Each structure stands twice: as structure tokens, then as C-alpha cells.
Amino acid sequence: MGAWKRFMQEEDGMGVVEVILIIVVLVAMVLIFKEQISALVETIWTTINRDAKKVYS
């Protein structure tokens, strides 16, 4: 029983687990909102290019 208690209280590697969970959540969000993210980036690039042409003209 003491070994189990020590195992449950051990925190070695918890940082790695947290980072992996964060990466998994971010990848899942990107997959879920892929179309919306693509549309947003496309709109931003279009605006940047249009406004850049005004500056250089």
C-alpha cells in the first residue's frame, strides 16, 4: 500500500504530461475550427495586401 501511495504522490514527469495534453487540445481545436481559421487568415492576408498596395502606390 505504501508503494501505491508514493506512486500517486510522485510528480516527476507531470510537466511533460501537461505539455502533451496542451498540444493535444490545441491540435484538436485546429482540426475542429480548420475552416474558420483558414477563412480568417485569408481575410487578414487580403486586407494586408490591399492596404500594402495603397502604401506603395
Foldseek 3Di string as FASTA:
>chain_A
DVVVVVVVPDCPCVVVVVVVVVVVVVVVVCVVCVVVVVVVVVVVVVVVVVVVVVVVD
